[in-house]
Structure formats: C-alpha cells, structure tokens
Amino acid sequence: MTATPLLTKTFMAWAFATYVGGLAAAGKEILELPAFANAWLGPQHGQELPGNYPSGGPTAKMIPVWRTAAPAIDFLAPDIYVPNSAEVMAQYASSENPLFIPEARFRAGDAFLAVGRFGALGYQVFGLEDGRQVNQYGLACRAILALAGQIVDAQRDERIFGFALEQDEDLVSTTLGGISITVRNSAKLYRSMLLDAGVVLPPPAELPGETEGAAHGHTPGDGRPFGLILETGPLEFLVVGQGALFDFYKEDSELEVDSVRELRLTQDGWRDGRLLNGDERLQILKNDMISASRIKLLELSKST
C-alpha cells in the first residue's frame, strides 16, 4: 500500500521532532533555558509540494505532531517572509504555543500586529545589521519598547489590539472595555474627502528602503495603516502607530471624544505633548511617521 502525502509528512515530522526534542531535553539538563524550533513555512507559493519545503519541520499542519513528539520544545516559531503574515500568526498563536517570530522581513506593521493581535513574545527581522540608519522598523521597535510594561499588562488582561490594514482593507474593528472601536485608513478617507471637493491627489510615493545591501534584496518601508490600541482606563485609550483614525461606539450610550493628547517619544519613553484640537484631530496618528496619542472619551446615556 502506498503511503499518502499526509501520512508521509506526519512520519517525517514525528522523526524530526523526536530528534530535535531530544536535543532540547538534553540541553535543559545542563542549563534550563526555553527552547524553540524555527519553522520554514509550507506549503507556500512556489513551494507547494513536500520536498520543495521542509515538510517534516514544524509547519502549521504539523504543530500537533511536534507538540506531542517534542515536549521539551517550549514553542514553535514561524519564519515569516510571505505577505499573508496575519494568517501565519493566527496558525501559530495559541495557549499551547505562544507566538514568537525569530525571523521575518523588515515590515514594521507586522511587529505591531504580532504584539497587539496575537500576544507575541517578540518579533525579530532577519539581517538586522543590514538596516539603513533610522529605518522604519527600528523606529517601530523604539515605539513598542517604550510601552513594554504596559503592553505586557494589557496582553495579560486582554486590553490590547494590534492592526495592520492591507491594501484591500478600509477598516477593522475590535471591542475593548465594552466599547466597539473601528480603525479606519485615514489616507483613504482624506483622498475621498478631497475628491468630493474636486481635488485629486497623486498616488503616494514608495517609502525609502529599509535595508542597505541585504541578502534578501530591496525592502520598501511599510505604508499600511498599522499600530496598537491599549485600553488604559475607563473611557481612555492609548494609540500608537501610523495612518489610522478611530471611531468609538457603545450600545445605549453616546460617546464623544473629550480630548486627544499627543505623545512625544523621548529617551525616557512616551511623554505628554500638545493637546490636539480642530483639524489636528484628523491626524490622531500621523500618516508619514509613527506617532502616539492618548484619547479620552465622554459617555452620555441615550436615555438622558
């Protein structure tokens, strides 16, 4: 009887996992450190068949096999070079397998998405030393690390949401603290508003490249709207990222924005800046750079 491809992949995964898991267990007898295994994704475009990708590795469909055969490995970690990064993160993030991304493209928005949407322990690009000075990913890391303590607490309490709107997405929604929040692509809204007034804007220019002389070639900056929303108190939210606007809704209540406080990133972390009013509130998060703001809401009962 000929073995099916799935059966073959399962046997291969069990063999590799047993061996690698044994190495992890032996290492922990010497020094008790967390152990993880990188996952080369597959099948994927151009690598659809086993053998074109390491089908015995910890691919998404083989995660249960690896978790069973290699209990000494604490988590399985995907290397992400594909455009459908959110789909991959969802496949690897679970209560049994915390998400950690050890290798990926320079794509700043994916770091916010991983930490905010999928509770990631960390996100690391390949060839960090190839990043050009003041690259976007580096600025994203500064922004996230300045909130590290608040992010960890918010992950634990489920008070955080990460987003990165793809080209075909105009909005995404979530609920934090009983309030529905809709994240919108601010650049698309501006273009639509100006078009109604008869003004046609040229297409946005490609952002500067993230790397210089990298093995994986040219990587443009991330032009998507992306960021994090943290619920920091009753009717209060901290947002960090770029290119997004926010709508707030609560059933049986009227919500209004009370204040928007711009935050400035310093060596000591995020600090209060200007109080935004008028048209400045159309750029709660700037379109051309990573920024942050603190939003406070007013709540009125619809019955009053």
C-alpha atoms as a PDB file:
ATOM      1  CA  MET A   1       0.000   0.000   0.000  1.00  0.00           C
ATOM      2  CA  THR A   2       1.363   3.423  -0.979  1.00  0.00           C
ATOM      3  CA  ALA A   3       1.544   5.973   1.837  1.00  0.00           C
ATOM      4  CA  THR A   4      -0.469   9.153   1.352  1.00  0.00           C
ATOM      5  CA  PRO A   5       1.401  12.504   1.267  1.00  0.00           C
ATOM      6  CA  LEU A   6      -0.153  13.473   4.621  1.00  0.00           C
ATOM      7  CA  LEU A   7       0.932  10.216   6.219  1.00  0.00           C
ATOM      8  CA  THR A   8       4.449  10.637   4.845  1.00  0.00           C
ATOM      9  CA  LYS A   9       4.676  14.189   6.152  1.00  0.00           C
ATOM     10  CA  THR A  10       3.399  13.083   9.552  1.00  0.00           C
ATOM     11  CA  PHE A  11       6.029  10.329   9.858  1.00  0.00           C
ATOM     12  CA  MET A  12       8.748  12.770   8.762  1.00  0.00           C
ATOM     13  CA  ALA A  13       7.532  15.380  11.269  1.00  0.00           C
ATOM     14  CA  TRP A  14       7.477  12.800  14.067  1.00  0.00           C
ATOM     15  CA  ALA A  15      11.035  11.689  13.258  1.00  0.00           C
ATOM     16  CA  PHE A  16      12.462  15.210  13.132  1.00  0.00           C
ATOM     17  CA  ALA A  17      10.522  16.360  16.201  1.00  0.00           C
ATOM     18  CA  THR A  18      11.639  13.352  18.258  1.00  0.00           C
ATOM     19  CA  TYR A  19      15.282  14.021  17.430  1.00  0.00           C
ATOM     20  CA  VAL A  20      15.176  17.805  17.916  1.00  0.00           C
ATOM     21  CA  GLY A  21      13.085  17.427  21.058  1.00  0.00           C
ATOM     22  CA  GLY A  22      15.669  15.007  22.441  1.00  0.00           C
ATOM     23  CA  LEU A  23      18.416  17.574  21.856  1.00  0.00           C
ATOM     24  CA  ALA A  24      16.338  20.211  23.670  1.00  0.00           C
ATOM     25  CA  ALA A  25      15.746  17.890  26.619  1.00  0.00           C
ATOM     26  CA  ALA A  26      19.460  17.056  26.855  1.00  0.00           C
ATOM     27  CA  GLY A  27      20.374  20.731  26.739  1.00  0.00           C
ATOM     28  CA  LYS A  28      17.938  21.579  29.523  1.00  0.00           C
ATOM     29  CA  GLU A  29      19.619  19.030  31.783  1.00  0.00           C
ATOM     30  CA  ILE A  30      22.726  21.235  31.539  1.00  0.00           C
ATOM     31  CA  LEU A  31      21.060  24.657  31.533  1.00  0.00           C
ATOM     32  CA  GLU A  32      17.320  25.192  31.925  1.00  0.00           C
ATOM     33  CA  LEU A  33      16.591  27.672  29.142  1.00  0.00           C
ATOM     34  CA  PRO A  34      13.486  27.986  26.946  1.00  0.00           C
ATOM     35  CA  ALA A  35      13.821  26.092  23.670  1.00  0.00           C
ATOM     36  CA  PHE A  36      12.093  26.762  20.371  1.00  0.00           C
ATOM     37  CA  ALA A  37      12.252  25.484  16.804  1.00  0.00           C
ATOM     38  CA  ASN A  38      12.126  27.720  13.728  1.00  0.00           C
ATOM     39  CA  ALA A  39       9.507  26.832  11.134  1.00  0.00           C
ATOM     40  CA  TRP A  40      10.126  27.198   7.405  1.00  0.00           C
ATOM     41  CA  LEU A  41       6.557  27.741   6.207  1.00  0.00           C
ATOM     42  CA  GLY A  42       4.895  25.435   3.756  1.00  0.00           C
ATOM     43  CA  PRO A  43       3.252  24.777   1.516  1.00  0.00           C
ATOM     44  CA  GLN A  44       3.519  28.284   0.041  1.00  0.00           C
ATOM     45  CA  HIS A  45       3.645  29.914  -3.373  1.00  0.00           C
ATOM     46  CA  GLY A  46       6.419  28.320  -5.416  1.00  0.00           C
ATOM     47  CA  GLN A  47       6.869  25.599  -2.787  1.00  0.00           C
ATOM     48  CA  GLU A  48       3.591  23.730  -2.972  1.00  0.00           C
ATOM     49  CA  LEU A  49       4.895  20.156  -2.728  1.00  0.00           C
ATOM     50  CA  PRO A  50       6.736  18.338   0.067  1.00  0.00           C
ATOM     51  CA  GLY A  51      10.408  18.357  -0.772  1.00  0.00           C
ATOM     52  CA  ASN A  52      10.160  21.901  -2.084  1.00  0.00           C
ATOM     53  CA  TYR A  53       9.899  22.939   1.564  1.00  0.00           C
ATOM     54  CA  PRO A  54      10.967  21.072   4.739  1.00  0.00           C
ATOM     55  CA  SER A  55       7.701  19.169   5.132  1.00  0.00           C
ATOM     56  CA  GLY A  56       8.980  17.347   8.218  1.00  0.00           C
ATOM     57  CA  GLY A  57       9.515  20.616  10.023  1.00  0.00           C
ATOM     58  CA  PRO A  58       7.085  22.379  12.387  1.00  0.00           C
ATOM     59  CA  THR A  59       4.794  23.626   9.613  1.00  0.00           C
ATOM     60  CA  ALA A  60       1.300  24.767  10.609  1.00  0.00           C
ATOM     61  CA  LYS A  61      -0.422  21.428   9.981  1.00  0.00           C
ATOM     62  CA  MET A  62       2.332  19.547  11.821  1.00  0.00           C
ATOM     63  CA  ILE A  63       2.186  21.633  15.013  1.00  0.00           C
ATOM     64  CA  PRO A  64       0.199  18.946  16.940  1.00  0.00           C
ATOM     65  CA  VAL A  65       2.745  16.316  15.910  1.00  0.00           C
ATOM     66  CA  TRP A  66       5.684  18.421  17.073  1.00  0.00           C
ATOM     67  CA  ARG A  67       3.981  19.414  20.332  1.00  0.00           C
ATOM     68  CA  THR A  68       3.368  15.715  21.117  1.00  0.00           C
ATOM     69  CA  ALA A  69       6.727  14.311  19.981  1.00  0.00           C
ATOM     70  CA  ALA A  70       8.905  17.107  21.404  1.00  0.00           C
ATOM     71  CA  PRO A  71       7.518  18.284  24.777  1.00  0.00           C
ATOM     72  CA  ALA A  72      10.901  19.776  25.722  1.00  0.00           C
ATOM     73  CA  ILE A  73      10.467  22.409  22.991  1.00  0.00           C
ATOM     74  CA  ASP A  74       8.567  25.286  24.574  1.00  0.00           C
ATOM     75  CA  PHE A  75       7.199  26.869  21.401  1.00  0.00           C
ATOM     76  CA  LEU A  76       7.313  26.565  17.619  1.00  0.00           C
ATOM     77  CA  ALA A  77       8.269  29.794  15.906  1.00  0.00           C
ATOM     78  CA  PRO A  78       7.425  30.719  12.284  1.00  0.00           C
ATOM     79  CA  ASP A  79       9.868  32.485   9.953  1.00  0.00           C
ATOM     80  CA  ILE A  80       7.623  34.883   8.026  1.00  0.00           C
ATOM     81  CA  TYR A  81       8.543  36.077   4.539  1.00  0.00           C
ATOM     82  CA  VAL A  82       5.072  35.753   2.989  1.00  0.00           C
ATOM     83  CA  PRO A  83       2.559  38.593   2.544  1.00  0.00           C
ATOM     84  CA  ASN A  84      -0.238  36.835   4.477  1.00  0.00           C
ATOM     85  CA  SER A  85       1.524  37.356   7.793  1.00  0.00           C
ATOM     86  CA  ALA A  86      -1.661  37.668   9.883  1.00  0.00           C
ATOM     87  CA  GLU A  87      -2.830  34.244   8.688  1.00  0.00           C
ATOM     88  CA  VAL A  88       0.501  32.694   9.681  1.00  0.00           C
ATOM     89  CA  MET A  89       0.482  34.354  13.106  1.00  0.00           C
ATOM     90  CA  ALA A  90      -3.020  33.026  13.745  1.00  0.00           C
ATOM     91  CA  GLN A  91      -1.868  29.499  12.900  1.00  0.00           C
ATOM     92  CA  TYR A  92       0.966  29.572  15.448  1.00  0.00           C
ATOM     93  CA  ALA A  93      -0.525  31.631  18.293  1.00  0.00           C
ATOM     94  CA  SER A  94      -2.398  29.574  20.890  1.00  0.00           C
ATOM     95  CA  SER A  95      -2.500  28.905  24.612  1.00  0.00           C
ATOM     96  CA  GLU A  96      -0.313  25.841  23.984  1.00  0.00           C
ATOM     97  CA  ASN A  97       2.096  27.650  21.649  1.00  0.00           C
ATOM     98  CA  PRO A  98       2.884  31.300  22.458  1.00  0.00           C
ATOM     99  CA  LEU A  99       3.822  33.276  19.358  1.00  0.00           C
ATOM    100  CA  PHE A 100       7.450  34.237  18.809  1.00  0.00           C
ATOM    101  CA  ILE A 101       8.741  35.331  15.402  1.00  0.00           C
ATOM    102  CA  PRO A 102      12.529  34.819  15.223  1.00  0.00           C
ATOM    103  CA  GLU A 103      12.958  35.712  11.556  1.00  0.00           C
ATOM    104  CA  ALA A 104      10.989  37.956   9.194  1.00  0.00           C
ATOM    105  CA  ARG A 105      11.183  40.766   6.672  1.00  0.00           C
ATOM    106  CA  PHE A 106      11.659  44.385   7.699  1.00  0.00           C
ATOM    107  CA  ARG A 107       7.928  45.130   7.946  1.00  0.00           C
ATOM    108  CA  ALA A 108       7.168  47.491  10.813  1.00  0.00           C
ATOM    109  CA  GLY A 109       3.416  46.941  10.855  1.00  0.00           C
ATOM    110  CA  ASP A 110       3.796  43.210  11.394  1.00  0.00           C
ATOM    111  CA  ALA A 111       5.579  43.854  14.698  1.00  0.00           C
ATOM    112  CA  PHE A 112       2.567  45.835  15.965  1.00  0.00           C
ATOM    113  CA  LEU A 113       0.195  43.174  14.622  1.00  0.00           C
ATOM    114  CA  ALA A 114       2.092  40.336  16.295  1.00  0.00           C
ATOM    115  CA  VAL A 115       2.352  42.003  19.691  1.00  0.00           C
ATOM    116  CA  GLY A 116      -1.129  43.525  19.774  1.00  0.00           C
ATOM    117  CA  ARG A 117      -3.351  40.992  18.000  1.00  0.00           C
ATOM    118  CA  PHE A 118      -1.614  37.698  18.742  1.00  0.00           C
ATOM    119  CA  GLY A 119       0.149  38.294  22.074  1.00  0.00           C
ATOM    120  CA  ALA A 120       3.615  37.723  20.643  1.00  0.00           C
ATOM    121  CA  LEU A 121       6.601  37.363  22.954  1.00  0.00           C
ATOM    122  CA  GLY A 122       8.804  39.037  20.348  1.00  0.00           C
ATOM    123  CA  TYR A 123       9.361  39.865  16.693  1.00  0.00           C
ATOM    124  CA  GLN A 124      12.773  39.873  15.011  1.00  0.00           C
ATOM    125  CA  VAL A 125      13.799  40.667  11.444  1.00  0.00           C
ATOM    126  CA  PHE A 126      16.486  38.792   9.522  1.00  0.00           C
ATOM    127  CA  GLY A 127      19.736  40.727   8.988  1.00  0.00           C
ATOM    128  CA  LEU A 128      19.126  43.495  11.495  1.00  0.00           C
ATOM    129  CA  GLU A 129      22.636  44.813  10.796  1.00  0.00           C
ATOM    130  CA  ASP A 130      21.597  45.499   7.179  1.00  0.00           C
ATOM    131  CA  GLY A 131      19.004  48.075   8.201  1.00  0.00           C
ATOM    132  CA  ARG A 132      19.739  51.582   6.976  1.00  0.00           C
ATOM    133  CA  GLN A 133      20.164  54.265   9.606  1.00  0.00           C
ATOM    134  CA  VAL A 134      16.866  55.481  11.094  1.00  0.00           C
ATOM    135  CA  ASN A 135      14.883  52.730   9.343  1.00  0.00           C
ATOM    136  CA  GLN A 136      11.153  52.429   9.973  1.00  0.00           C
ATOM    137  CA  TYR A 137      11.405  49.068  11.720  1.00  0.00           C
ATOM    138  CA  GLY A 138      13.916  50.499  14.182  1.00  0.00           C
ATOM    139  CA  LEU A 139      11.532  53.367  14.967  1.00  0.00           C
ATOM    140  CA  ALA A 140       8.727  50.824  15.452  1.00  0.00           C
ATOM    141  CA  CYS A 141      10.878  48.927  17.964  1.00  0.00           C
ATOM    142  CA  ARG A 142      11.570  52.128  19.899  1.00  0.00           C
ATOM    143  CA  ALA A 143       7.856  52.926  19.993  1.00  0.00           C
ATOM    144  CA  ILE A 144       6.896  49.442  21.190  1.00  0.00           C
ATOM    145  CA  LEU A 145       9.719  49.037  23.726  1.00  0.00           C
ATOM    146  CA  ALA A 146       8.795  52.369  25.316  1.00  0.00           C
ATOM    147  CA  LEU A 147       5.441  50.759  26.192  1.00  0.00           C
ATOM    148  CA  ALA A 148       6.780  47.298  27.060  1.00  0.00           C
ATOM    149  CA  GLY A 149       5.453  47.200  30.617  1.00  0.00           C
ATOM    150  CA  GLN A 150       2.017  48.470  29.639  1.00  0.00           C
ATOM    151  CA  ILE A 151       1.866  46.067  26.685  1.00  0.00           C
ATOM    152  CA  VAL A 152       2.645  43.010  28.841  1.00  0.00           C
ATOM    153  CA  ASP A 153      -0.048  44.018  31.360  1.00  0.00           C
ATOM    154  CA  ALA A 154      -2.546  44.703  28.572  1.00  0.00           C
ATOM    155  CA  GLN A 155      -1.803  41.339  26.905  1.00  0.00           C
ATOM    156  CA  ARG A 156      -2.481  39.578  30.201  1.00  0.00           C
ATOM    157  CA  ASP A 157      -5.747  41.478  30.754  1.00  0.00           C
ATOM    158  CA  GLU A 158      -6.854  41.404  27.094  1.00  0.00           C
ATOM    159  CA  ARG A 159      -6.843  45.201  26.873  1.00  0.00           C
ATOM    160  CA  ILE A 160      -4.852  45.477  23.645  1.00  0.00           C
ATOM    161  CA  PHE A 161      -5.474  45.248  19.904  1.00  0.00           C
ATOM    162  CA  GLY A 162      -2.974  45.337  17.054  1.00  0.00           C
ATOM    163  CA  PHE A 163      -3.790  46.143  13.451  1.00  0.00           C
ATOM    164  CA  ALA A 164      -2.180  46.429  10.014  1.00  0.00           C
ATOM    165  CA  LEU A 165      -4.654  47.220   7.234  1.00  0.00           C
ATOM    166  CA  GLU A 166      -3.838  45.606   3.917  1.00  0.00           C
ATOM    167  CA  GLN A 167      -4.384  47.429   0.615  1.00  0.00           C
ATOM    168  CA  ASP A 168      -7.859  45.947   0.157  1.00  0.00           C
ATOM    169  CA  GLU A 169      -8.937  46.695   3.755  1.00  0.00           C
ATOM    170  CA  ASP A 170     -10.588  50.004   4.620  1.00  0.00           C
ATOM    171  CA  LEU A 171     -11.287  49.197   8.254  1.00  0.00           C
ATOM    172  CA  VAL A 172     -11.036  46.657  11.057  1.00  0.00           C
ATOM    173  CA  SER A 173     -12.988  46.506  14.314  1.00  0.00           C
ATOM    174  CA  THR A 174     -12.496  45.277  17.857  1.00  0.00           C
ATOM    175  CA  THR A 175     -14.018  45.675  21.332  1.00  0.00           C
ATOM    176  CA  LEU A 176     -12.060  46.862  24.367  1.00  0.00           C
ATOM    177  CA  GLY A 177     -13.589  47.706  27.743  1.00  0.00           C
ATOM    178  CA  GLY A 178     -17.090  47.230  26.379  1.00  0.00           C
ATOM    179  CA  ILE A 179     -16.507  49.836  23.647  1.00  0.00           C
ATOM    180  CA  SER A 180     -16.526  48.943  19.954  1.00  0.00           C
ATOM    181  CA  ILE A 181     -13.614  50.548  18.124  1.00  0.00           C
ATOM    182  CA  THR A 182     -13.355  50.825  14.355  1.00  0.00           C
ATOM    183  CA  VAL A 183      -9.918  51.532  12.877  1.00  0.00           C
ATOM    184  CA  ARG A 184     -10.003  53.310   9.511  1.00  0.00           C
ATOM    185  CA  ASN A 185      -7.437  54.082   6.812  1.00  0.00           C
ATOM    186  CA  SER A 186      -7.020  57.836   7.254  1.00  0.00           C
ATOM    187  CA  ALA A 187      -5.234  58.390   3.918  1.00  0.00           C
ATOM    188  CA  LYS A 188      -8.121  56.804   2.008  1.00  0.00           C
ATOM    189  CA  LEU A 189     -10.611  58.952   3.917  1.00  0.00           C
ATOM    190  CA  TYR A 190      -8.642  62.131   3.133  1.00  0.00           C
ATOM    191  CA  ARG A 191      -8.480  61.222  -0.549  1.00  0.00           C
ATOM    192  CA  SER A 192     -12.205  60.596  -0.641  1.00  0.00           C
ATOM    193  CA  MET A 193     -12.974  63.895   1.116  1.00  0.00           C
ATOM    194  CA  LEU A 194     -10.728  65.875  -1.234  1.00  0.00           C
ATOM    195  CA  LEU A 195     -12.097  64.078  -4.282  1.00  0.00           C
ATOM    196  CA  ASP A 196     -15.589  65.196  -3.268  1.00  0.00           C
ATOM    197  CA  ALA A 197     -14.175  68.742  -3.320  1.00  0.00           C
ATOM    198  CA  GLY A 198     -12.684  68.206  -6.782  1.00  0.00           C
ATOM    199  CA  VAL A 199      -9.083  67.731  -5.643  1.00  0.00           C
ATOM    200  CA  VAL A 200      -7.248  64.679  -7.000  1.00  0.00           C
ATOM    201  CA  LEU A 201      -4.089  63.753  -5.126  1.00  0.00           C
ATOM    202  CA  PRO A 202      -1.199  61.940  -6.837  1.00  0.00           C
ATOM    203  CA  PRO A 203      -0.569  58.347  -5.719  1.00  0.00           C
ATOM    204  CA  PRO A 204       1.628  58.098  -2.617  1.00  0.00           C
ATOM    205  CA  ALA A 205       5.341  57.672  -3.253  1.00  0.00           C
ATOM    206  CA  GLU A 206       7.069  54.482  -2.169  1.00  0.00           C
ATOM    207  CA  LEU A 207       8.710  54.836   1.222  1.00  0.00           C
ATOM    208  CA  PRO A 208      12.515  54.695   1.484  1.00  0.00           C
ATOM    209  CA  GLY A 209      14.029  51.225   1.554  1.00  0.00           C
ATOM    210  CA  GLU A 210      14.530  49.605   4.932  1.00  0.00           C
ATOM    211  CA  THR A 211      17.870  47.942   4.190  1.00  0.00           C
ATOM    212  CA  GLU A 212      21.222  48.528   2.513  1.00  0.00           C
ATOM    213  CA  GLY A 213      22.955  45.574   0.836  1.00  0.00           C
ATOM    214  CA  ALA A 214      20.656  42.989   2.398  1.00  0.00           C
ATOM    215  CA  ALA A 215      20.797  39.372   1.222  1.00  0.00           C
ATOM    216  CA  HIS A 216      17.031  39.399   0.624  1.00  0.00           C
ATOM    217  CA  GLY A 217      17.226  42.470  -1.621  1.00  0.00           C
ATOM    218  CA  HIS A 218      15.333  45.757  -1.512  1.00  0.00           C
ATOM    219  CA  THR A 219      12.611  46.048   1.128  1.00  0.00           C
ATOM    220  CA  PRO A 220      10.423  49.181   0.977  1.00  0.00           C
ATOM    221  CA  GLY A 221       9.038  50.777   4.112  1.00  0.00           C
ATOM    222  CA  ASP A 222       5.601  49.743   5.335  1.00  0.00           C
ATOM    223  CA  GLY A 223       2.959  52.167   4.045  1.00  0.00           C
ATOM    224  CA  ARG A 224      -0.011  50.378   5.636  1.00  0.00           C
ATOM    225  CA  PRO A 225      -2.010  51.906   8.479  1.00  0.00           C
ATOM    226  CA  PHE A 226      -0.761  49.961  11.497  1.00  0.00           C
ATOM    227  CA  GLY A 227      -0.459  50.206  15.239  1.00  0.00           C
ATOM    228  CA  LEU A 228      -1.669  49.283  18.713  1.00  0.00           C
ATOM    229  CA  ILE A 229      -4.664  50.297  20.811  1.00  0.00           C
ATOM    230  CA  LEU A 230      -4.347  49.928  24.593  1.00  0.00           C
ATOM    231  CA  GLU A 231      -7.231  50.450  26.982  1.00  0.00           C
ATOM    232  CA  THR A 232      -5.532  52.383  29.801  1.00  0.00           C
ATOM    233  CA  GLY A 233      -8.560  53.238  31.936  1.00  0.00           C
ATOM    234  CA  PRO A 234     -12.318  53.770  31.846  1.00  0.00           C
ATOM    235  CA  LEU A 235     -13.076  55.621  28.588  1.00  0.00           C
ATOM    236  CA  GLU A 236      -9.346  56.106  27.966  1.00  0.00           C
ATOM    237  CA  PHE A 237      -7.151  54.641  25.235  1.00  0.00           C
ATOM    238  CA  LEU A 238      -3.542  54.958  24.141  1.00  0.00           C
ATOM    239  CA  VAL A 239      -2.921  54.526  20.395  1.00  0.00           C
ATOM    240  CA  VAL A 240       0.460  54.222  18.697  1.00  0.00           C
ATOM    241  CA  GLY A 241       1.281  53.610  15.046  1.00  0.00           C
ATOM    242  CA  GLN A 242       0.620  55.415  11.786  1.00  0.00           C
ATOM    243  CA  GLY A 243      -2.096  56.333   9.289  1.00  0.00           C
ATOM    244  CA  ALA A 244      -5.226  55.427  11.268  1.00  0.00           C
ATOM    245  CA  LEU A 245      -8.374  57.099  12.573  1.00  0.00           C
ATOM    246  CA  PHE A 246     -10.696  55.660  15.230  1.00  0.00           C
ATOM    247  CA  ASP A 247     -14.467  55.539  15.746  1.00  0.00           C
ATOM    248  CA  PHE A 248     -15.909  54.600  19.137  1.00  0.00           C
ATOM    249  CA  TYR A 249     -19.344  53.115  19.802  1.00  0.00           C
ATOM    250  CA  LYS A 250     -21.178  51.783  22.849  1.00  0.00           C
ATOM    251  CA  GLU A 251     -24.698  50.456  22.777  1.00  0.00           C
ATOM    252  CA  ASP A 252     -27.235  52.551  24.727  1.00  0.00           C
ATOM    253  CA  SER A 253     -24.701  55.372  25.123  1.00  0.00           C
ATOM    254  CA  GLU A 254     -23.496  58.399  23.221  1.00  0.00           C
ATOM    255  CA  LEU A 255     -19.709  58.629  23.066  1.00  0.00           C
ATOM    256  CA  GLU A 256     -17.815  61.800  22.256  1.00  0.00           C
ATOM    257  CA  VAL A 257     -14.085  62.445  22.134  1.00  0.00           C
ATOM    258  CA  ASP A 258     -13.277  64.588  25.175  1.00  0.00           C
ATOM    259  CA  SER A 259      -9.565  65.131  24.487  1.00  0.00           C
ATOM    260  CA  VAL A 260      -6.691  63.937  22.321  1.00  0.00           C
ATOM    261  CA  ARG A 261      -3.248  64.370  23.841  1.00  0.00           C
ATOM    262  CA  GLU A 262      -0.291  63.977  21.501  1.00  0.00           C
ATOM    263  CA  LEU A 263       2.582  61.942  22.946  1.00  0.00           C
ATOM    264  CA  ARG A 264       6.261  62.503  22.213  1.00  0.00           C
ATOM    265  CA  LEU A 265       8.879  59.758  22.252  1.00  0.00           C
ATOM    266  CA  THR A 266      11.883  60.675  24.415  1.00  0.00           C
ATOM    267  CA  GLN A 267      14.783  58.749  25.907  1.00  0.00           C
ATOM    268  CA  ASP A 268      12.584  58.280  28.979  1.00  0.00           C
ATOM    269  CA  GLY A 269       9.632  56.892  26.981  1.00  0.00           C
ATOM    270  CA  TRP A 270       6.409  58.456  25.749  1.00  0.00           C
ATOM    271  CA  ARG A 271       5.684  61.846  27.349  1.00  0.00           C
ATOM    272  CA  ASP A 272       2.721  64.215  27.076  1.00  0.00           C
ATOM    273  CA  GLY A 273       2.835  66.700  24.212  1.00  0.00           C
ATOM    274  CA  ARG A 274       0.262  69.035  22.652  1.00  0.00           C
ATOM    275  CA  LEU A 275      -3.464  68.905  23.243  1.00  0.00           C
ATOM    276  CA  LEU A 276      -4.912  68.406  19.757  1.00  0.00           C
ATOM    277  CA  ASN A 277      -7.992  70.299  18.610  1.00  0.00           C
ATOM    278  CA  GLY A 278      -9.835  71.127  15.407  1.00  0.00           C
ATOM    279  CA  ASP A 279      -8.390  69.751  12.192  1.00  0.00           C
ATOM    280  CA  GLU A 280      -5.366  68.410  14.090  1.00  0.00           C
ATOM    281  CA  ARG A 281      -7.650  65.594  15.271  1.00  0.00           C
ATOM    282  CA  LEU A 282      -7.807  64.365  11.677  1.00  0.00           C
ATOM    283  CA  GLN A 283      -4.276  63.046  12.283  1.00  0.00           C
ATOM    284  CA  ILE A 284      -4.529  61.274  15.615  1.00  0.00           C
ATOM    285  CA  LEU A 285      -1.810  59.030  14.211  1.00  0.00           C
ATOM    286  CA  LYS A 286       0.315  60.729  11.555  1.00  0.00           C
ATOM    287  CA  ASN A 287       0.289  59.341   8.033  1.00  0.00           C
ATOM    288  CA  ASP A 288       4.007  59.646   7.348  1.00  0.00           C
ATOM    289  CA  MET A 289       5.604  58.570  10.629  1.00  0.00           C
ATOM    290  CA  ILE A 290       4.978  56.512  13.759  1.00  0.00           C
ATOM    291  CA  SER A 291       3.319  58.602  16.456  1.00  0.00           C
ATOM    292  CA  ALA A 292       1.131  58.175  19.541  1.00  0.00           C
ATOM    293  CA  SER A 293      -1.812  59.853  21.256  1.00  0.00           C
ATOM    294  CA  ARG A 294      -3.936  59.417  24.363  1.00  0.00           C
ATOM    295  CA  ILE A 295      -7.685  59.596  23.735  1.00  0.00           C
ATOM    296  CA  LYS A 296     -10.266  60.309  26.462  1.00  0.00           C
ATOM    297  CA  LEU A 297     -13.979  59.840  25.819  1.00  0.00           C
ATOM    298  CA  LEU A 298     -17.170  61.283  27.308  1.00  0.00           C
ATOM    299  CA  GLU A 299     -20.147  58.971  27.800  1.00  0.00           C
ATOM    300  CA  LEU A 300     -23.762  60.094  27.914  1.00  0.00           C
ATOM    301  CA  SER A 301     -26.704  57.758  28.332  1.00  0.00           C
ATOM    302  CA  LYS A 302     -29.080  57.803  25.365  1.00  0.00           C
ATOM    303  CA  SER A 303     -31.964  57.924  27.826  1.00  0.00           C
ATOM    304  CA  THR A 304     -30.901  61.312  29.223  1.00  0.00           C
END
